[in-house]
Amino acid sequence: MATVQVRDVPDDVAAIIAEKANAEHKSVSAYLRDLMAADVQRELQRRAIAQWNADLKQTQQKLGIPVRSTVSSADVVREIRDGYDRGSE
């Protein structure tokens, strides 16, 4: 495993981190490790979504499907609500 060292952490920041770690019954190292792991998880999800969007766009282009919808989601919701109001749905 890698070792990460952070220098020049302001005293007030270090104190708050220590308090939060203590409140979660963790060491400062464990608390910071969990924060970093959560940040990496969010980044991996962001990257996966970006890749999925790129793949989707490429597939849409190959199939000749418009990449952008000309209908807004608000229009779709309005149409569905109007259908309920007319009793057709």
N, C-alpha and C. Protein backbone atom coordinates (compact mmCIF):
# COMPACT_ATOMS: atom_id res chain seq x y z
N MET A 1 0.84 -1.18 0.00
CA MET A 1 0.00 0.00 0.00
C MET A 1 0.88 1.24 0.00
N ALA A 2 0.34 2.28 -0.60
CA ALA A 2 1.07 3.55 -0.67
C ALA A 2 0.93 4.32 0.64
N THR A 3 1.87 5.19 0.87
CA THR A 3 1.83 6.10 2.01
C THR A 3 1.68 7.51 1.47
N VAL A 4 0.74 8.26 2.03
CA VAL A 4 0.51 9.64 1.63
C VAL A 4 0.81 10.52 2.83
N GLN A 5 1.62 11.54 2.61
CA GLN A 5 1.96 12.46 3.68
C GLN A 5 1.50 13.84 3.26
N VAL A 6 0.82 14.53 4.17
CA VAL A 6 0.33 15.88 3.89
C VAL A 6 1.04 16.84 4.84
N ARG A 7 1.67 17.84 4.25
CA ARG A 7 2.41 18.83 5.06
C ARG A 7 1.64 20.14 5.11
N ASP A 8 1.98 20.94 6.07
CA ASP A 8 1.48 22.31 6.21
C ASP A 8 -0.04 22.38 6.34
N VAL A 9 -0.60 21.45 7.11
CA VAL A 9 -2.04 21.49 7.39
C VAL A 9 -2.25 22.52 8.50
N PRO A 10 -3.11 23.51 8.26
CA PRO A 10 -3.36 24.51 9.30
C PRO A 10 -3.86 23.85 10.59
N ASP A 11 -3.47 24.41 11.72
CA ASP A 11 -3.83 23.84 13.02
C ASP A 11 -5.34 23.69 13.19
N ASP A 12 -6.11 24.71 12.76
CA ASP A 12 -7.56 24.63 12.94
C ASP A 12 -8.16 23.50 12.09
N VAL A 13 -7.62 23.27 10.91
CA VAL A 13 -8.09 22.19 10.05
C VAL A 13 -7.76 20.84 10.68
N ALA A 14 -6.54 20.71 11.16
CA ALA A 14 -6.13 19.46 11.81
C ALA A 14 -6.98 19.18 13.04
N ALA A 15 -7.31 20.22 13.79
CA ALA A 15 -8.13 20.04 15.00
C ALA A 15 -9.53 19.55 14.64
N ILE A 16 -10.13 20.12 13.62
CA ILE A 16 -11.48 19.69 13.21
C ILE A 16 -11.45 18.26 12.69
N ILE A 17 -10.42 17.93 11.92
CA ILE A 17 -10.30 16.56 11.41
C ILE A 17 -10.18 15.58 12.59
N ALA A 18 -9.37 15.94 13.56
CA ALA A 18 -9.21 15.07 14.74
C ALA A 18 -10.53 14.92 15.49
N GLU A 19 -11.29 16.01 15.62
CA GLU A 19 -12.59 15.94 16.29
C GLU A 19 -13.56 15.03 15.53
N LYS A 20 -13.60 15.18 14.20
CA LYS A 20 -14.51 14.36 13.41
C LYS A 20 -14.12 12.89 13.45
N ALA A 21 -12.81 12.63 13.41
CA ALA A 21 -12.34 11.25 13.50
C ALA A 21 -12.73 10.64 14.85
N ASN A 22 -12.54 11.41 15.89
CA ASN A 22 -12.88 10.96 17.23
C ASN A 22 -14.38 10.68 17.34
N ALA A 23 -15.20 11.54 16.75
CA ALA A 23 -16.66 11.37 16.80
C ALA A 23 -17.08 10.09 16.08
N GLU A 24 -16.31 9.67 15.10
CA GLU A 24 -16.62 8.43 14.37
C GLU A 24 -15.85 7.24 14.93
N HIS A 25 -15.19 7.44 16.04
CA HIS A 25 -14.41 6.40 16.71
C HIS A 25 -13.35 5.82 15.77
N LYS A 26 -12.66 6.72 15.07
CA LYS A 26 -11.61 6.32 14.14
C LYS A 26 -10.34 7.10 14.46
N SER A 27 -9.24 6.55 14.01
CA SER A 27 -8.01 7.32 14.05
C SER A 27 -8.07 8.37 12.95
N VAL A 28 -7.23 9.37 13.04
CA VAL A 28 -7.17 10.39 11.99
C VAL A 28 -6.81 9.73 10.67
N SER A 29 -5.88 8.80 10.70
CA SER A 29 -5.49 8.10 9.46
C SER A 29 -6.66 7.35 8.85
N ALA A 30 -7.41 6.63 9.67
CA ALA A 30 -8.56 5.88 9.16
C ALA A 30 -9.63 6.82 8.62
N TYR A 31 -9.86 7.92 9.34
CA TYR A 31 -10.86 8.90 8.90
C TYR A 31 -10.47 9.49 7.54
N LEU A 32 -9.23 9.91 7.40
CA LEU A 32 -8.77 10.49 6.13
C LEU A 32 -8.73 9.44 5.02
N ARG A 33 -8.36 8.22 5.35
CA ARG A 33 -8.36 7.14 4.36
C ARG A 33 -9.77 6.91 3.83
N ASP A 34 -10.77 6.92 4.73
CA ASP A 34 -12.16 6.75 4.31
C ASP A 34 -12.63 7.92 3.44
N LEU A 35 -12.21 9.15 3.79
CA LEU A 35 -12.56 10.31 2.96
C LEU A 35 -11.97 10.19 1.57
N MET A 36 -10.72 9.78 1.50
CA MET A 36 -10.06 9.63 0.19
C MET A 36 -10.73 8.52 -0.62
N ALA A 37 -11.05 7.42 0.04
CA ALA A 37 -11.70 6.31 -0.67
C ALA A 37 -13.06 6.73 -1.21
N ALA A 38 -13.82 7.49 -0.44
CA ALA A 38 -15.12 7.97 -0.89
C ALA A 38 -14.96 8.93 -2.07
N ASP A 39 -13.95 9.78 -2.02
CA ASP A 39 -13.69 10.70 -3.13
C ASP A 39 -13.32 9.94 -4.39
N VAL A 40 -12.49 8.93 -4.25
CA VAL A 40 -12.10 8.11 -5.40
C VAL A 40 -13.32 7.37 -5.96
N GLN A 41 -14.18 6.87 -5.10
CA GLN A 41 -15.39 6.18 -5.56
C GLN A 41 -16.26 7.12 -6.40
N ARG A 42 -16.44 8.36 -5.93
CA ARG A 42 -17.22 9.34 -6.70
C ARG A 42 -16.55 9.63 -8.05
N GLU A 43 -15.23 9.72 -8.05
CA GLU A 43 -14.51 9.97 -9.30
C GLU A 43 -14.65 8.79 -10.27
N LEU A 44 -14.58 7.58 -9.76
CA LEU A 44 -14.76 6.40 -10.61
C LEU A 44 -16.16 6.36 -11.19
N GLN A 45 -17.15 6.73 -10.40
CA GLN A 45 -18.52 6.78 -10.90
C GLN A 45 -18.66 7.85 -11.98
N ARG A 46 -18.05 9.03 -11.74
CA ARG A 46 -18.10 10.10 -12.72
C ARG A 46 -17.48 9.65 -14.04
N ARG A 47 -16.34 8.98 -13.96
CA ARG A 47 -15.67 8.48 -15.16
C ARG A 47 -16.49 7.42 -15.87
N ALA A 48 -17.13 6.53 -15.11
CA ALA A 48 -17.96 5.49 -15.72
C ALA A 48 -19.15 6.10 -16.45
N ILE A 49 -19.76 7.11 -15.84
CA ILE A 49 -20.90 7.78 -16.48
C ILE A 49 -20.44 8.50 -17.74
N ALA A 50 -19.29 9.16 -17.68
CA ALA A 50 -18.76 9.86 -18.86
C ALA A 50 -18.49 8.86 -19.99
N GLN A 51 -17.94 7.71 -19.65
CA GLN A 51 -17.67 6.68 -20.66
C GLN A 51 -18.97 6.14 -21.23
N TRP A 52 -19.94 5.90 -20.36
CA TRP A 52 -21.23 5.41 -20.81
C TRP A 52 -21.88 6.41 -21.77
N ASN A 53 -21.82 7.70 -21.41
CA ASN A 53 -22.38 8.74 -22.28
C ASN A 53 -21.68 8.79 -23.62
N ALA A 54 -20.35 8.65 -23.62
CA ALA A 54 -19.60 8.64 -24.88
C ALA A 54 -19.98 7.43 -25.72
N ASP A 55 -20.08 6.27 -25.08
CA ASP A 55 -20.49 5.04 -25.80
C ASP A 55 -21.90 5.18 -26.37
N LEU A 56 -22.80 5.76 -25.57
CA LEU A 56 -24.17 5.96 -26.02
C LEU A 56 -24.22 6.89 -27.23
N LYS A 57 -23.48 7.98 -27.15
CA LYS A 57 -23.44 8.93 -28.27
C LYS A 57 -22.91 8.26 -29.53
N GLN A 58 -21.86 7.47 -29.39
CA GLN A 58 -21.29 6.77 -30.54
C GLN A 58 -22.29 5.77 -31.13
N THR A 59 -22.98 5.05 -30.28
CA THR A 59 -23.98 4.09 -30.75
C THR A 59 -25.13 4.80 -31.44
N GLN A 60 -25.57 5.91 -30.86
CA GLN A 60 -26.64 6.69 -31.49
C GLN A 60 -26.23 7.17 -32.87
N GLN A 61 -24.99 7.63 -33.00
CA GLN A 61 -24.51 8.10 -34.29
C GLN A 61 -24.44 6.96 -35.30
N LYS A 62 -23.97 5.79 -34.87
CA LYS A 62 -23.90 4.63 -35.76
C LYS A 62 -25.28 4.22 -36.26
N LEU A 63 -26.27 4.33 -35.39
CA LEU A 63 -27.63 3.92 -35.73
C LEU A 63 -28.45 5.04 -36.38
N GLY A 64 -27.86 6.22 -36.46
CA GLY A 64 -28.57 7.34 -37.05
C GLY A 64 -29.64 7.93 -36.16
N ILE A 65 -29.50 7.73 -34.87
CA ILE A 65 -30.46 8.26 -33.91
C ILE A 65 -29.98 9.66 -33.50
N PRO A 66 -30.87 10.64 -33.51
CA PRO A 66 -30.44 11.98 -33.08
C PRO A 66 -29.83 11.93 -31.68
N VAL A 67 -28.72 12.63 -31.52
CA VAL A 67 -28.02 12.63 -30.23
C VAL A 67 -28.79 13.46 -29.21
N ARG A 68 -29.37 14.54 -29.65
CA ARG A 68 -30.13 15.39 -28.74
C ARG A 68 -31.62 15.29 -29.06
N SER A 69 -32.40 15.23 -28.02
CA SER A 69 -33.84 15.18 -28.20
C SER A 69 -34.35 16.59 -28.50
N THR A 70 -35.31 16.68 -29.39
CA THR A 70 -35.91 17.98 -29.69
C THR A 70 -37.07 18.27 -28.77
N VAL A 71 -37.43 17.31 -27.92
CA VAL A 71 -38.52 17.47 -26.98
C VAL A 71 -37.94 17.63 -25.58
N SER A 72 -38.38 18.66 -24.87
CA SER A 72 -37.88 18.85 -23.52
C SER A 72 -38.61 17.92 -22.55
N SER A 73 -37.94 17.62 -21.47
CA SER A 73 -38.56 16.76 -20.46
C SER A 73 -39.78 17.44 -19.86
N ALA A 74 -39.76 18.77 -19.76
CA ALA A 74 -40.91 19.49 -19.23
C ALA A 74 -42.12 19.30 -20.14
N ASP A 75 -41.89 19.29 -21.46
CA ASP A 75 -42.99 19.06 -22.40
C ASP A 75 -43.56 17.66 -22.25
N VAL A 76 -42.70 16.69 -22.04
CA VAL A 76 -43.16 15.30 -21.87
C VAL A 76 -44.01 15.19 -20.61
N VAL A 77 -43.55 15.76 -19.51
CA VAL A 77 -44.31 15.72 -18.25
C VAL A 77 -45.64 16.43 -18.43
N ARG A 78 -45.63 17.59 -19.09
CA ARG A 78 -46.87 18.34 -19.33
C ARG A 78 -47.86 17.52 -20.14
N GLU A 79 -47.36 16.83 -21.16
CA GLU A 79 -48.24 16.01 -22.00
C GLU A 79 -48.84 14.86 -21.21
N ILE A 80 -48.04 14.23 -20.36
CA ILE A 80 -48.55 13.13 -19.52
C ILE A 80 -49.61 13.65 -18.56
N ARG A 81 -49.35 14.80 -17.94
CA ARG A 81 -50.33 15.37 -17.00
C ARG A 81 -51.62 15.74 -17.72
N ASP A 82 -51.49 16.30 -18.91
CA ASP A 82 -52.69 16.63 -19.69
C ASP A 82 -53.49 15.37 -20.01
N GLY A 83 -52.79 14.28 -20.29
CA GLY A 83 -53.46 13.00 -20.55
C GLY A 83 -54.24 12.52 -19.34
N TYR A 84 -53.65 12.69 -18.15
CA TYR A 84 -54.37 12.33 -16.93
C TYR A 84 -55.60 13.21 -16.75
N ASP A 85 -55.43 14.50 -17.01
CA ASP A 85 -56.55 15.43 -16.85
C ASP A 85 -57.70 15.09 -17.78
N ARG A 86 -57.38 14.58 -19.00
CA ARG A 86 -58.40 14.20 -19.96
C ARG A 86 -58.96 12.81 -19.66
N GLY A 87 -58.30 12.11 -18.76
CA GLY A 87 -58.76 10.78 -18.40
C GLY A 87 -58.34 9.69 -19.38
N SER A 88 -57.34 10.00 -20.20
CA SER A 88 -56.92 9.00 -21.20
C SER A 88 -55.84 8.08 -20.67
N GLU A 89 -55.27 8.34 -19.53
CA GLU A 89 -54.22 7.48 -18.98
C GLU A 89 -54.63 7.01 -17.62
